[in-house]
N, C-alpha and C. Protein backbone atom coordinates (compact mmCIF):
# COMPACT_ATOMS: atom_id res chain seq x y z
N MET A 1 0.81 -1.07 -0.06
CA MET A 1 -0.03 -0.01 0.02
C MET A 1 0.72 1.18 -0.06
N THR A 2 1.82 1.23 0.93
CA THR A 2 2.80 2.38 0.86
C THR A 2 3.39 2.72 -0.47
N GLY A 3 3.81 1.55 -1.14
CA GLY A 3 4.51 1.71 -2.37
C GLY A 3 3.58 2.29 -3.53
N ASN A 4 2.23 1.87 -3.52
CA ASN A 4 1.16 2.41 -4.47
C ASN A 4 0.98 3.85 -4.24
N TRP A 5 0.76 4.23 -2.89
CA TRP A 5 0.57 5.56 -2.45
C TRP A 5 1.48 6.42 -2.90
N THR A 6 2.86 6.04 -2.80
CA THR A 6 4.02 6.87 -3.19
C THR A 6 3.93 7.02 -4.71
N LEU A 7 3.67 6.02 -5.40
CA LEU A 7 3.56 6.22 -6.87
C LEU A 7 2.46 7.06 -7.31
N ARG A 8 1.26 6.98 -6.62
CA ARG A 8 0.25 7.98 -6.98
C ARG A 8 0.54 9.43 -6.66
N ALA A 9 1.34 9.66 -5.50
CA ALA A 9 1.76 10.91 -5.09
C ALA A 9 2.74 11.54 -6.03
N ALA A 10 3.69 10.59 -6.46
CA ALA A 10 4.62 11.11 -7.43
C ALA A 10 4.03 11.50 -8.74
N ALA A 11 3.04 10.60 -9.30
CA ALA A 11 2.32 11.04 -10.45
C ALA A 11 1.67 12.23 -10.33
N SER A 12 0.95 12.43 -9.20
CA SER A 12 0.26 13.65 -9.02
C SER A 12 1.15 15.02 -9.01
N ALA A 13 2.30 14.76 -8.43
CA ALA A 13 3.23 15.94 -8.30
C ALA A 13 3.69 16.35 -9.83
N GLY A 14 3.99 15.10 -10.49
CA GLY A 14 4.35 15.27 -12.09
C GLY A 14 3.42 15.99 -12.68
N LEU A 15 2.10 15.60 -12.58
CA LEU A 15 1.19 16.16 -13.31
C LEU A 15 0.94 17.79 -13.05
N ALA A 16 1.13 18.05 -11.76
CA ALA A 16 1.08 19.42 -11.45
C ALA A 16 2.23 20.35 -11.95
N VAL A 17 3.34 19.72 -11.96
CA VAL A 17 4.48 20.44 -12.65
C VAL A 17 4.21 20.64 -14.05
N ALA A 18 3.74 19.57 -14.67
CA ALA A 18 3.44 19.79 -16.23
C ALA A 18 2.34 20.82 -16.48
N LEU A 19 1.34 20.78 -15.64
CA LEU A 19 0.30 21.83 -15.71
C LEU A 19 0.86 23.25 -15.64
N ALA A 20 1.83 23.41 -14.76
CA ALA A 20 2.30 24.69 -14.36
C ALA A 20 3.26 25.14 -15.61
N LEU A 21 3.94 24.17 -16.30
CA LEU A 21 4.79 24.56 -17.33
C LEU A 21 3.84 24.92 -18.46
N VAL A 22 2.71 24.09 -18.61
CA VAL A 22 1.67 24.43 -19.85
C VAL A 22 1.19 26.00 -19.56
N VAL A 23 0.70 26.30 -18.32
CA VAL A 23 0.20 27.56 -17.99
C VAL A 23 1.22 28.75 -18.38
N THR A 24 2.60 28.39 -17.89
CA THR A 24 3.63 29.41 -17.96
C THR A 24 3.86 29.49 -19.51
N GLY A 25 3.94 28.47 -20.29
CA GLY A 25 4.23 28.69 -21.85
C GLY A 25 3.14 29.41 -22.37
N CYS A 26 1.86 29.30 -21.97
CA CYS A 26 0.72 29.81 -22.66
C CYS A 26 0.75 31.51 -22.49
N GLY A 27 1.32 31.82 -21.21
CA GLY A 27 1.39 33.23 -20.73
C GLY A 27 2.31 34.08 -21.67
N THR A 28 3.46 33.45 -22.14
CA THR A 28 4.35 34.15 -22.83
C THR A 28 3.93 34.56 -24.21
N PRO A 29 3.34 33.76 -25.06
CA PRO A 29 2.72 34.23 -26.34
C PRO A 29 1.77 35.44 -26.11
N ASN A 30 0.85 35.30 -25.00
CA ASN A 30 -0.25 36.28 -24.93
C ASN A 30 0.46 37.76 -24.72
N SER A 31 1.61 37.82 -24.13
CA SER A 31 2.24 39.17 -23.71
C SER A 31 2.94 39.70 -25.04
N ALA A 32 3.20 38.85 -26.03
CA ALA A 32 4.01 39.38 -27.24
C ALA A 32 3.09 40.28 -28.12
N PRO A 33 1.84 39.78 -28.35
CA PRO A 33 1.09 40.50 -29.30
C PRO A 33 0.71 41.90 -28.63
N THR A 34 0.57 41.95 -27.30
CA THR A 34 0.29 43.21 -26.79
C THR A 34 1.34 44.18 -27.00
N THR A 35 2.59 43.85 -26.72
CA THR A 35 3.70 44.66 -26.96
C THR A 35 3.70 45.13 -28.51
N GLY A 36 3.64 44.11 -29.43
CA GLY A 36 3.67 44.30 -30.85
C GLY A 36 2.59 45.38 -31.21
N SER A 37 1.41 45.11 -30.67
CA SER A 37 0.33 46.10 -30.92
C SER A 37 0.55 47.44 -30.70
N ALA A 38 1.16 47.68 -29.37
CA ALA A 38 1.48 49.06 -28.99
C ALA A 38 2.46 49.68 -29.83
N SER A 39 3.42 48.76 -30.28
CA SER A 39 4.47 49.21 -31.04
C SER A 39 3.95 49.70 -32.46
N ALA A 40 2.95 48.91 -33.02
CA ALA A 40 2.47 49.23 -34.34
C ALA A 40 1.69 50.43 -34.15
N SER A 41 0.85 50.66 -33.03
CA SER A 41 0.13 51.84 -32.82
C SER A 41 0.94 53.12 -32.89
N THR A 42 1.98 52.96 -32.18
CA THR A 42 3.11 54.13 -32.04
C THR A 42 3.64 54.51 -33.45
N SER A 43 3.97 53.41 -34.25
CA SER A 43 4.62 53.64 -35.44
C SER A 43 3.64 54.22 -36.47
N THR A 44 2.28 54.04 -36.44
CA THR A 44 1.42 54.47 -37.49
C THR A 44 0.91 56.02 -36.92
N THR A 45 1.21 56.35 -35.83
CA THR A 45 0.85 57.80 -35.45
C THR A 45 1.47 58.82 -36.39
N PRO A 46 0.53 59.63 -36.91
CA PRO A 46 1.00 60.62 -38.06
C PRO A 46 1.92 61.51 -37.37
N SER A 47 3.14 61.78 -38.06
CA SER A 47 4.11 62.71 -37.65
C SER A 47 3.82 64.16 -38.07
N THR A 48 4.18 65.14 -37.28
CA THR A 48 3.76 66.49 -37.67
C THR A 48 4.97 67.20 -38.02
N SER A 49 5.10 67.87 -38.98
CA SER A 49 6.24 68.77 -39.36
C SER A 49 5.85 70.21 -39.51
N PRO A 50 6.76 71.04 -39.00
CA PRO A 50 6.50 72.52 -38.89
C PRO A 50 6.31 73.12 -40.29
N ARG A 51 5.56 74.19 -40.38
CA ARG A 51 5.36 74.80 -41.63
C ARG A 51 6.62 75.83 -42.05
N PRO A 52 6.93 75.92 -43.11
CA PRO A 52 8.00 76.86 -43.51
C PRO A 52 7.99 78.14 -42.80
N THR A 53 9.03 78.41 -41.98
CA THR A 53 8.95 79.61 -41.32
C THR A 53 8.87 80.92 -42.12
N GLY A 54 7.93 81.77 -41.67
CA GLY A 54 7.73 83.07 -42.45
C GLY A 54 6.98 82.87 -43.72
N THR A 55 6.37 81.82 -44.14
CA THR A 55 5.75 81.67 -45.40
C THR A 55 4.43 81.70 -45.48
N THR A 56 3.67 81.14 -44.52
CA THR A 56 2.12 81.25 -44.31
C THR A 56 1.65 80.86 -43.09
N THR A 57 0.60 81.46 -42.67
CA THR A 57 -0.04 81.29 -41.22
C THR A 57 -1.35 80.29 -41.33
N ALA A 58 -1.88 80.20 -42.60
CA ALA A 58 -3.21 79.61 -42.62
C ALA A 58 -2.91 77.99 -42.54
N VAL A 59 -3.87 77.46 -41.91
CA VAL A 59 -3.75 75.98 -41.96
C VAL A 59 -4.58 75.34 -43.09
N PRO A 60 -4.33 74.21 -43.47
CA PRO A 60 -5.12 73.56 -44.71
C PRO A 60 -6.67 73.63 -44.26
N ILE A 61 -7.46 73.98 -45.21
CA ILE A 61 -8.84 73.90 -45.10
C ILE A 61 -9.52 72.81 -45.80
N GLU A 62 -10.74 72.66 -45.73
CA GLU A 62 -11.50 71.60 -46.40
C GLU A 62 -11.49 72.05 -47.87
N GLY A 63 -11.27 70.94 -48.73
CA GLY A 63 -11.21 71.24 -50.15
C GLY A 63 -9.96 72.10 -50.66
N GLN A 64 -9.01 72.15 -49.85
CA GLN A 64 -7.74 72.98 -50.09
C GLN A 64 -7.19 72.68 -51.31
N CYS A 65 -6.84 73.70 -52.09
CA CYS A 65 -6.32 73.58 -53.48
C CYS A 65 -4.95 72.93 -53.33
N ASP A 66 -4.70 71.94 -54.24
CA ASP A 66 -3.36 71.21 -54.44
C ASP A 66 -2.46 72.30 -55.13
N THR A 67 -1.38 72.48 -54.65
CA THR A 67 -0.38 73.42 -55.31
C THR A 67 0.05 72.92 -56.60
N ALA A 68 0.08 71.62 -56.87
CA ALA A 68 0.25 71.10 -58.12
C ALA A 68 -0.69 71.61 -59.26
N ASN A 69 -1.78 71.78 -58.83
CA ASN A 69 -2.87 72.20 -59.75
C ASN A 69 -3.06 73.74 -59.96
N LEU A 70 -2.04 74.49 -59.25
CA LEU A 70 -2.16 75.95 -59.36
C LEU A 70 -0.98 76.39 -60.16
N THR A 71 -1.30 77.64 -60.92
CA THR A 71 -0.28 78.38 -61.51
C THR A 71 -0.38 79.89 -61.07
N GLY A 72 0.77 80.51 -61.06
CA GLY A 72 0.78 81.88 -60.62
C GLY A 72 1.29 83.00 -61.75
N THR A 73 0.76 84.12 -61.73
CA THR A 73 1.12 85.08 -62.62
C THR A 73 1.24 86.31 -61.82
N ILE A 74 1.80 87.37 -62.37
CA ILE A 74 1.77 88.75 -61.73
C ILE A 74 0.83 89.69 -62.62
N GLY A 75 -0.08 90.28 -62.05
CA GLY A 75 -1.03 91.21 -62.62
C GLY A 75 -0.77 92.65 -62.10
N LYS A 76 -1.52 93.57 -62.74
CA LYS A 76 -1.41 94.83 -62.43
C LYS A 76 -1.90 95.21 -61.07
N GLY A 77 -1.34 96.07 -60.27
CA GLY A 77 -1.94 96.47 -58.97
C GLY A 77 -2.46 97.72 -58.95
N GLY A 78 -2.87 98.29 -57.73
CA GLY A 78 -3.54 99.39 -57.62
C GLY A 78 -2.69 100.65 -57.34
N GLY A 79 -1.50 100.53 -57.92
CA GLY A 79 -0.54 101.66 -57.72
C GLY A 79 0.50 101.46 -56.64
N GLY A 80 0.96 102.42 -56.02
CA GLY A 80 1.89 102.28 -54.89
C GLY A 80 2.30 103.66 -54.35
N ALA A 81 2.76 103.63 -53.17
CA ALA A 81 3.18 104.79 -52.50
C ALA A 81 4.52 105.33 -53.03
N ALA A 82 5.28 106.35 -52.64
CA ALA A 82 6.31 106.84 -53.00
C ALA A 82 7.32 105.70 -52.69
N GLY A 83 8.26 105.52 -53.72
CA GLY A 83 9.25 104.62 -53.56
C GLY A 83 8.81 103.05 -53.49
N SER A 84 7.58 102.79 -53.92
CA SER A 84 7.11 101.42 -53.92
C SER A 84 6.09 101.25 -55.14
N VAL A 85 5.97 99.96 -55.46
CA VAL A 85 4.96 99.61 -56.53
C VAL A 85 4.14 98.49 -55.87
N GLU A 86 2.80 98.52 -56.41
CA GLU A 86 1.91 97.37 -56.15
C GLU A 86 1.59 96.60 -57.24
N VAL A 87 1.86 95.32 -57.13
CA VAL A 87 1.27 94.30 -58.15
C VAL A 87 0.36 93.43 -57.54
N THR A 88 -0.17 92.49 -58.38
CA THR A 88 -1.04 91.63 -57.87
C THR A 88 -0.65 89.96 -58.21
N ILE A 89 -0.67 89.22 -57.23
CA ILE A 89 -0.32 87.82 -57.38
C ILE A 89 -1.69 87.23 -57.79
N VAL A 90 -1.78 86.48 -58.82
CA VAL A 90 -2.83 85.77 -59.36
C VAL A 90 -2.58 84.28 -59.36
N LEU A 91 -3.30 83.50 -58.60
CA LEU A 91 -3.36 81.97 -58.75
C LEU A 91 -4.58 81.57 -59.19
N THR A 92 -4.22 80.66 -60.37
CA THR A 92 -5.30 80.08 -61.15
C THR A 92 -5.45 78.41 -60.84
N ASN A 93 -6.73 78.15 -60.69
CA ASN A 93 -6.87 76.71 -60.51
C ASN A 93 -7.02 75.95 -61.83
N ASN A 94 -5.97 75.15 -62.06
CA ASN A 94 -5.83 74.36 -63.35
C ASN A 94 -6.49 72.80 -63.26
N GLY A 95 -7.07 72.53 -61.89
CA GLY A 95 -7.46 71.27 -61.75
C GLY A 95 -8.87 71.13 -62.52
N SER A 96 -9.52 69.85 -62.34
CA SER A 96 -10.71 69.64 -63.01
C SER A 96 -11.83 69.72 -62.02
N THR A 97 -11.56 69.97 -60.70
CA THR A 97 -12.67 70.16 -59.79
C THR A 97 -12.31 71.40 -58.98
N GLU A 98 -13.40 72.02 -58.29
CA GLU A 98 -13.24 73.20 -57.63
C GLU A 98 -12.35 72.90 -56.39
N CYS A 99 -11.74 74.05 -55.86
CA CYS A 99 -10.98 73.80 -54.67
C CYS A 99 -10.91 75.23 -53.94
N SER A 100 -10.41 75.28 -52.79
CA SER A 100 -10.48 76.52 -51.98
C SER A 100 -9.10 77.04 -51.38
N LEU A 101 -8.95 78.26 -51.18
CA LEU A 101 -7.84 78.91 -50.56
C LEU A 101 -8.50 79.91 -49.54
N GLN A 102 -7.67 80.04 -48.44
CA GLN A 102 -8.09 81.06 -47.49
C GLN A 102 -6.77 81.61 -46.79
N GLY A 103 -6.60 82.84 -46.87
CA GLY A 103 -5.51 83.49 -46.04
C GLY A 103 -4.47 84.17 -46.85
N TRP A 104 -3.25 84.27 -46.25
CA TRP A 104 -2.22 85.05 -46.94
C TRP A 104 -1.32 84.08 -47.55
N PRO A 105 -0.84 84.34 -48.89
CA PRO A 105 0.27 83.50 -49.31
C PRO A 105 1.62 83.88 -48.82
N GLY A 106 2.31 82.85 -48.68
CA GLY A 106 3.84 83.28 -48.37
C GLY A 106 4.56 83.62 -49.58
N VAL A 107 5.32 84.75 -49.57
CA VAL A 107 6.02 85.22 -50.79
C VAL A 107 7.39 85.60 -50.45
N SER A 108 8.41 85.41 -51.32
CA SER A 108 9.79 86.02 -51.18
C SER A 108 10.37 85.96 -52.46
N PHE A 109 11.29 86.80 -52.50
CA PHE A 109 12.20 86.92 -53.78
C PHE A 109 13.12 85.82 -53.85
N VAL A 110 13.18 85.41 -55.13
CA VAL A 110 14.39 84.20 -55.53
C VAL A 110 15.08 84.66 -56.42
N GLY A 111 16.45 84.19 -56.67
CA GLY A 111 17.23 84.64 -57.65
C GLY A 111 18.34 83.43 -57.84
N ASP A 112 19.58 83.93 -58.44
CA ASP A 112 20.56 83.08 -58.79
C ASP A 112 20.35 81.96 -59.85
N GLY A 113 19.07 82.13 -60.42
CA GLY A 113 18.73 81.26 -61.51
C GLY A 113 18.37 79.83 -60.92
N ASN A 114 18.42 79.61 -59.56
CA ASN A 114 18.17 78.24 -59.12
C ASN A 114 17.22 78.25 -57.92
N GLY A 115 16.39 79.45 -57.72
CA GLY A 115 15.39 79.41 -56.63
C GLY A 115 15.95 79.84 -55.34
N THR A 116 17.16 80.29 -55.21
CA THR A 116 17.70 80.85 -53.98
C THR A 116 16.91 81.87 -53.28
N GLN A 117 16.41 81.75 -52.02
CA GLN A 117 15.69 82.96 -51.59
C GLN A 117 16.45 84.19 -51.17
N LEU A 118 16.06 85.23 -51.62
CA LEU A 118 16.85 86.59 -51.35
C LEU A 118 16.11 87.28 -50.46
N GLY A 119 16.83 87.51 -49.33
CA GLY A 119 16.18 88.40 -48.20
C GLY A 119 15.04 87.84 -47.41
N LYS A 120 14.37 88.82 -46.89
CA LYS A 120 13.23 88.37 -45.97
C LYS A 120 11.97 88.17 -46.68
N PRO A 121 11.28 87.00 -46.20
CA PRO A 121 9.98 86.93 -46.91
C PRO A 121 8.93 88.04 -46.62
N ALA A 122 7.94 88.12 -47.40
CA ALA A 122 6.86 89.25 -47.29
C ALA A 122 6.11 89.21 -45.90
N ASP A 123 5.89 90.50 -45.30
CA ASP A 123 5.29 90.69 -44.14
C ASP A 123 3.65 90.52 -44.55
N PHE A 124 2.86 90.03 -43.67
CA PHE A 124 1.42 90.02 -43.93
C PHE A 124 0.70 91.27 -43.71
N ASP A 125 -0.07 91.76 -44.58
CA ASP A 125 -0.93 92.98 -44.26
C ASP A 125 -2.27 92.34 -43.75
N ARG A 126 -2.37 92.19 -42.51
CA ARG A 126 -3.50 91.71 -41.73
C ARG A 126 -4.69 92.60 -41.66
N SER A 127 -4.55 93.84 -42.26
CA SER A 127 -5.82 94.63 -42.29
C SER A 127 -6.71 94.20 -43.52
N THR A 128 -6.30 93.33 -44.35
CA THR A 128 -7.06 93.13 -45.47
C THR A 128 -8.13 91.98 -45.20
N PRO A 129 -9.31 91.79 -45.77
CA PRO A 129 -10.16 90.66 -45.58
C PRO A 129 -9.59 89.44 -45.93
N HIS A 130 -9.91 88.30 -45.41
CA HIS A 130 -9.30 86.94 -45.70
C HIS A 130 -10.34 85.94 -45.77
N PRO A 131 -11.35 86.09 -46.65
CA PRO A 131 -12.49 85.10 -46.83
C PRO A 131 -12.01 83.74 -47.47
N THR A 132 -12.84 82.76 -47.26
CA THR A 132 -12.37 81.59 -48.17
C THR A 132 -12.95 81.84 -49.44
N VAL A 133 -11.97 81.48 -50.34
CA VAL A 133 -12.25 81.67 -51.91
C VAL A 133 -12.33 80.33 -52.53
N VAL A 134 -13.48 80.15 -53.16
CA VAL A 134 -13.69 78.87 -53.85
C VAL A 134 -13.39 79.18 -55.36
N LEU A 135 -12.49 78.34 -55.80
CA LEU A 135 -12.01 78.53 -57.19
C LEU A 135 -12.56 77.32 -58.09
N GLN A 136 -13.40 77.66 -58.95
CA GLN A 136 -13.81 76.63 -59.91
C GLN A 136 -12.74 76.34 -60.83
N PRO A 137 -12.73 75.26 -61.75
CA PRO A 137 -11.71 74.94 -62.63
C PRO A 137 -11.55 76.19 -63.47
N GLY A 138 -10.34 76.72 -63.65
CA GLY A 138 -9.95 77.89 -64.35
C GLY A 138 -10.21 79.21 -63.59
N GLY A 139 -10.72 78.91 -62.34
CA GLY A 139 -11.04 80.23 -61.69
C GLY A 139 -9.79 80.80 -60.97
N THR A 140 -9.73 82.11 -60.46
CA THR A 140 -8.60 82.73 -60.00
C THR A 140 -8.88 83.30 -58.67
N ALA A 141 -7.83 83.44 -57.72
CA ALA A 141 -7.72 84.25 -56.64
C ALA A 141 -6.72 85.24 -56.76
N GLN A 142 -6.72 86.27 -56.04
CA GLN A 142 -5.57 87.37 -56.19
C GLN A 142 -5.24 87.91 -54.80
N ALA A 143 -4.01 88.33 -54.64
CA ALA A 143 -3.53 89.00 -53.31
C ALA A 143 -2.73 90.24 -54.02
N PRO A 144 -3.03 91.44 -53.23
CA PRO A 144 -2.08 92.55 -53.45
C PRO A 144 -0.67 92.30 -52.79
N LEU A 145 0.43 92.78 -53.68
CA LEU A 145 1.78 92.69 -53.20
C LEU A 145 2.47 93.99 -53.36
N ARG A 146 2.81 94.59 -52.34
CA ARG A 146 3.56 95.89 -52.33
C ARG A 146 5.14 95.62 -52.28
N ILE A 147 5.63 96.28 -53.29
CA ILE A 147 7.28 96.02 -53.40
C ILE A 147 8.05 97.37 -53.24
N THR A 148 8.67 97.39 -52.19
CA THR A 148 9.42 98.71 -51.77
C THR A 148 10.63 98.58 -52.57
N GLN A 149 10.97 99.66 -53.15
CA GLN A 149 12.27 99.68 -54.08
C GLN A 149 13.50 99.50 -53.26
N ALA A 150 14.42 98.56 -53.63
CA ALA A 150 15.71 98.37 -52.91
C ALA A 150 16.56 99.65 -52.76
N LEU A 151 16.50 100.46 -53.82
CA LEU A 151 17.25 101.74 -53.70
C LEU A 151 16.89 102.68 -52.59
N ASN A 152 15.80 102.49 -51.80
CA ASN A 152 15.41 103.35 -50.78
C ASN A 152 16.39 103.19 -49.66
N TYR A 153 17.13 102.06 -49.74
CA TYR A 153 18.03 101.83 -48.57
C TYR A 153 19.49 101.89 -49.00
N PRO A 154 20.41 102.32 -47.84
CA PRO A 154 21.81 102.18 -48.26
C PRO A 154 22.29 100.84 -48.72
N GLU A 155 23.10 100.95 -49.61
CA GLU A 155 23.77 99.61 -50.25
C GLU A 155 24.21 98.65 -49.19
N ALA A 156 24.93 99.25 -48.17
CA ALA A 156 25.56 98.40 -47.18
C ALA A 156 24.42 97.64 -46.38
N ASP A 157 23.25 98.40 -46.23
CA ASP A 157 22.17 97.68 -45.33
C ASP A 157 21.32 96.75 -46.18
N CYS A 158 21.32 96.96 -47.57
CA CYS A 158 20.43 96.11 -48.47
C CYS A 158 21.12 95.02 -49.07
N LYS A 159 22.41 95.39 -49.59
CA LYS A 159 23.07 94.40 -50.38
C LYS A 159 22.25 93.81 -51.68
N PRO A 160 21.83 94.78 -52.63
CA PRO A 160 20.99 94.57 -53.47
C PRO A 160 21.37 93.55 -54.58
N GLN A 161 20.41 92.83 -55.12
CA GLN A 161 20.83 91.79 -56.11
C GLN A 161 19.54 91.59 -57.05
N PRO A 162 19.63 91.51 -58.31
CA PRO A 162 18.59 91.33 -59.23
C PRO A 162 17.77 90.00 -58.87
N ALA A 163 16.53 90.03 -59.00
CA ALA A 163 15.75 88.71 -58.58
C ALA A 163 15.15 88.18 -59.79
N ASP A 164 14.88 86.94 -59.77
CA ASP A 164 14.34 86.17 -60.89
C ASP A 164 12.79 86.29 -60.88
N GLY A 165 12.35 86.45 -59.72
CA GLY A 165 10.83 86.45 -59.42
C GLY A 165 10.50 86.02 -57.96
N PHE A 166 9.41 85.40 -57.74
CA PHE A 166 8.94 85.07 -56.36
C PHE A 166 8.72 83.61 -56.29
N ARG A 167 8.90 83.19 -55.09
CA ARG A 167 8.46 81.83 -54.50
C ARG A 167 7.16 82.20 -53.82
N VAL A 168 6.12 81.45 -54.23
CA VAL A 168 4.71 81.74 -53.52
C VAL A 168 4.35 80.33 -52.86
N TYR A 169 4.07 80.46 -51.71
CA TYR A 169 3.44 79.20 -50.91
C TYR A 169 1.84 79.56 -50.80
N PRO A 170 0.91 78.94 -51.39
CA PRO A 170 -0.50 79.18 -51.20
C PRO A 170 -0.68 78.98 -49.74
N PRO A 171 -1.75 79.49 -49.20
CA PRO A 171 -2.07 79.36 -47.75
C PRO A 171 -2.37 77.96 -47.43
N GLY A 172 -1.84 77.40 -46.35
CA GLY A 172 -2.05 76.25 -45.83
C GLY A 172 -1.17 75.20 -46.52
N SER A 173 -0.33 75.42 -47.54
CA SER A 173 0.57 74.56 -48.21
C SER A 173 2.01 74.56 -47.87
N LYS A 174 2.73 73.41 -47.86
CA LYS A 174 4.16 73.38 -47.74
C LYS A 174 4.87 73.29 -49.02
N GLU A 175 4.02 73.19 -50.12
CA GLU A 175 4.67 73.32 -51.58
C GLU A 175 4.45 74.61 -52.10
N SER A 176 5.43 75.01 -52.84
CA SER A 176 5.59 76.33 -53.43
C SER A 176 5.49 76.31 -54.92
N LEU A 177 5.20 77.46 -55.59
CA LEU A 177 5.33 77.72 -56.90
C LEU A 177 6.07 78.81 -57.34
N PHE A 178 6.67 78.87 -58.48
CA PHE A 178 7.48 80.00 -58.95
C PHE A 178 6.66 80.91 -59.89
N ILE A 179 6.88 82.25 -59.65
CA ILE A 179 6.33 83.24 -60.50
C ILE A 179 7.50 84.14 -60.98
N LYS A 180 7.66 84.12 -62.32
CA LYS A 180 8.67 84.99 -62.93
C LYS A 180 8.31 86.51 -62.91
N TYR A 181 9.23 87.32 -62.51
CA TYR A 181 8.93 88.72 -62.52
C TYR A 181 10.19 89.50 -62.73
N ASP A 182 10.32 90.07 -63.98
CA ASP A 182 11.46 90.83 -64.53
C ASP A 182 11.59 92.26 -63.94
N GLY A 183 12.89 92.59 -63.70
CA GLY A 183 13.03 94.03 -63.46
C GLY A 183 13.10 94.27 -61.94
N ALA A 184 12.94 93.18 -61.12
CA ALA A 184 12.95 93.51 -59.68
C ALA A 184 14.20 93.21 -59.01
N THR A 185 14.47 94.17 -58.09
CA THR A 185 15.83 94.02 -57.27
C THR A 185 15.31 93.94 -55.75
N ALA A 186 16.11 92.84 -55.29
CA ALA A 186 15.86 92.35 -53.92
C ALA A 186 16.97 92.83 -52.94
N CYS A 187 16.83 92.99 -51.73
CA CYS A 187 17.75 93.07 -50.71
C CYS A 187 17.93 91.68 -50.19
N THR A 188 19.18 91.40 -49.89
CA THR A 188 19.71 90.04 -49.61
C THR A 188 20.06 90.08 -48.25
N THR A 189 19.96 91.07 -47.36
CA THR A 189 20.09 91.01 -45.82
C THR A 189 18.71 90.61 -45.15
N ASP A 190 19.01 90.25 -44.07
CA ASP A 190 17.76 89.99 -43.11
C ASP A 190 17.24 91.17 -42.40
N THR A 191 17.72 92.45 -42.59
CA THR A 191 17.37 93.48 -41.72
C THR A 191 16.48 94.33 -42.56
N VAL A 192 16.31 94.20 -43.95
CA VAL A 192 15.44 94.89 -44.80
C VAL A 192 14.31 94.18 -45.22
N SER A 193 13.06 94.51 -45.15
CA SER A 193 11.91 93.98 -45.63
C SER A 193 11.27 94.82 -46.75
N LEU A 194 11.32 94.27 -47.92
CA LEU A 194 10.78 94.94 -48.95
C LEU A 194 9.37 94.68 -49.60
N LEU A 195 8.70 93.46 -49.07
CA LEU A 195 7.61 92.94 -49.53
C LEU A 195 6.53 92.96 -48.43
N GLN A 196 5.29 93.17 -48.92
CA GLN A 196 4.11 93.05 -47.95
C GLN A 196 2.91 92.54 -48.84
N VAL A 197 2.23 91.42 -48.32
CA VAL A 197 1.30 90.78 -49.11
C VAL A 197 -0.13 90.86 -48.44
N GLY A 198 -1.19 90.95 -49.08
CA GLY A 198 -2.37 90.92 -48.40
C GLY A 198 -3.06 89.55 -48.69
N ALA A 199 -4.19 89.41 -48.06
CA ALA A 199 -4.81 88.04 -48.21
C ALA A 199 -5.43 87.88 -49.60
N LEU A 200 -5.58 86.61 -49.90
CA LEU A 200 -6.22 86.22 -51.21
C LEU A 200 -7.74 86.51 -51.15
N VAL A 201 -8.23 87.09 -52.30
CA VAL A 201 -9.59 87.22 -52.48
C VAL A 201 -10.07 86.89 -53.82
N GLY A 202 -11.40 86.63 -54.15
CA GLY A 202 -11.90 86.19 -55.31
C GLY A 202 -11.59 87.20 -56.54
N SER A 203 -11.49 86.84 -57.66
CA SER A 203 -11.20 87.86 -58.72
C SER A 203 -12.15 87.57 -60.00
């Protein structure tokens, strides 16, 4: 009897150890997917990148125009004060569907034949209305751009250089477009601001 009881006890103990190992083994895989899931969630969180400094303040809006579907030209302005001239930045929707723009475009002189920014970007004229402008295919929006003449400033302060035209960031966009503009002279220092741009309006 004693021998049989010993065998039964040993068998029970062995079964208990085996069950413990099974339970432990099951616990390990359960923890792995939890860690992997958290890691996957972290990796798919959208990253945010800052907007180009000094280019635009408006955030993307619903139906935002794709910059690739926009072209820019320079139109006549409403005149200018002494020592400055005013022109108009005109953005045209070349896409097949309507889109919207709202706010101030980012504008800066570029030169050297390769798009190098010259001097400070345009200041925003925040006194101008800034409605949401809906552009039908072929439709346009325009913003006034005042250009102060570089010769108003001492050469040492301005360091003037001929410009090829303007780099323009539509409001809410990190992509820019180039608008050719002949005859302009930019200041290449960061201490002189020659440009002031108003908000886009319908045209």
